[in-house]
Amino acid sequence: MADRNAQIRASLNAKLIESGERERMKQLLRQRLMEYGWRDQMKAYCKDIVKQKGLENITVDELVQEITPKGRTLVPDSIKKEMLTVLRQYLSKHEEL
């Protein structure tokens, strides 16, 4: 079952890339996050972490690992729903997936 899901995801991802839809979805997501102020929130959060730990005491990988969970929780449900709707619309037009 997990193998089948991985195959479906890979196929969907390939179709999204092939059609250019993935790039359009990424642009829409960036736009919505900017409108919401998500980037500014994350930038401030990163600055706080670097201040707390010190610039010399944290690597980029450690910073990314620390901010990722918060970044995901800060994405508003409305944006998540909108992106899911866009994906569902794409899937309904391309039922061969």
Protein backbone atom coordinates (compact mmCIF):
# COMPACT_ATOMS: atom_id res chain seq x y z
CA MET A 1 0.00 0.00 0.00
CA ALA A 2 2.78 2.46 0.91
CA ASP A 3 4.56 1.51 -2.30
CA ARG A 4 1.39 2.21 -4.30
CA ASN A 5 1.00 5.62 -2.64
CA ALA A 6 4.61 6.44 -3.47
CA GLN A 7 3.98 5.50 -7.10
CA ILE A 8 0.87 7.69 -7.26
CA ARG A 9 2.73 10.64 -5.71
CA ALA A 10 5.65 10.22 -8.12
CA SER A 11 3.29 10.03 -11.10
CA LEU A 12 1.33 13.08 -9.96
CA ASN A 13 4.50 15.05 -9.31
CA ALA A 14 5.85 14.17 -12.76
CA LYS A 15 2.58 15.28 -14.42
CA LEU A 16 2.52 18.51 -12.43
CA ILE A 17 6.08 19.31 -13.47
CA GLU A 18 5.50 18.27 -17.08
CA SER A 19 2.41 20.44 -17.44
CA GLY A 20 3.90 23.45 -15.65
CA GLU A 21 1.14 23.28 -13.05
CA ARG A 22 3.60 22.67 -10.22
CA GLU A 23 5.37 25.94 -10.96
CA ARG A 24 2.03 27.79 -11.17
CA MET A 25 1.00 26.29 -7.83
CA LYS A 26 4.32 27.30 -6.26
CA GLN A 27 3.86 30.86 -7.52
CA LEU A 28 0.32 30.98 -6.12
CA LEU A 29 1.53 29.65 -2.77
CA ARG A 30 4.35 32.23 -2.62
CA GLN A 31 1.90 35.01 -3.45
CA ARG A 32 -0.62 33.95 -0.82
CA LEU A 33 2.07 33.54 1.85
CA MET A 34 3.43 37.00 1.06
CA GLU A 35 -0.08 38.49 1.27
CA TYR A 36 -0.56 36.85 4.65
CA GLY A 37 2.80 38.07 5.99
CA TRP A 38 4.13 34.55 6.50
CA ARG A 39 7.57 35.37 5.12
CA ASP A 40 7.97 38.33 7.48
CA GLN A 41 6.89 36.16 10.43
CA MET A 42 9.43 33.50 9.49
CA LYS A 43 12.17 36.06 8.97
CA ALA A 44 11.56 37.48 12.44
CA TYR A 45 11.49 33.97 13.92
CA CYS A 46 14.83 33.16 12.29
CA LYS A 47 16.36 36.35 13.67
CA ASP A 48 15.13 35.46 17.16
CA ILE A 49 16.65 31.99 16.98
CA VAL A 50 19.99 33.33 15.73
CA LYS A 51 19.98 35.93 18.54
CA GLN A 52 19.25 33.25 21.16
CA LYS A 53 21.83 30.76 19.93
CA GLY A 54 24.39 33.12 18.48
CA LEU A 55 25.40 33.33 14.85
CA GLU A 56 28.53 31.26 15.42
CA ASN A 57 26.61 28.50 17.23
CA ILE A 58 24.04 27.52 14.64
CA THR A 59 24.32 26.16 11.11
CA VAL A 60 21.90 26.79 8.28
CA ASP A 61 20.79 23.14 8.45
CA GLU A 62 20.09 23.43 12.18
CA LEU A 63 18.16 26.64 11.62
CA VAL A 64 16.06 25.05 8.87
CA GLN A 65 15.38 22.04 11.07
CA GLU A 66 14.25 24.30 13.90
CA ILE A 67 12.02 26.62 11.87
CA THR A 68 10.31 24.03 9.64
CA PRO A 69 7.66 22.88 12.16
CA LYS A 70 6.73 26.46 13.04
CA GLY A 71 6.67 27.44 9.37
CA ARG A 72 4.19 24.69 8.62
CA THR A 73 1.92 25.63 11.51
CA LEU A 74 1.93 29.30 10.50
CA VAL A 75 0.47 28.55 7.06
CA PRO A 76 -3.19 29.57 7.39
CA ASP A 77 -5.84 26.91 6.85
CA SER A 78 -7.39 29.09 4.15
CA ILE A 79 -4.20 28.86 2.08
CA LYS A 80 -3.95 25.11 2.64
CA LYS A 81 -7.56 24.70 1.51
CA GLU A 82 -7.02 26.88 -1.54
CA MET A 83 -3.97 24.86 -2.60
CA LEU A 84 -5.86 21.61 -2.08
CA THR A 85 -8.71 22.96 -4.23
CA VAL A 86 -6.28 23.87 -7.02
CA LEU A 87 -4.78 20.38 -6.85
CA ARG A 88 -8.21 18.73 -6.89
CA GLN A 89 -9.23 20.81 -9.91
CA TYR A 90 -6.09 19.72 -11.71
CA LEU A 91 -6.79 16.09 -10.86
CA SER A 92 -10.39 16.31 -12.05
CA LYS A 93 -9.18 17.61 -15.42
CA HIS A 94 -6.52 14.91 -15.66
CA GLU A 95 -8.31 11.80 -14.47
CA GLU A 96 -5.79 9.49 -16.16
CA LEU A 97 -3.63 9.84 -13.05
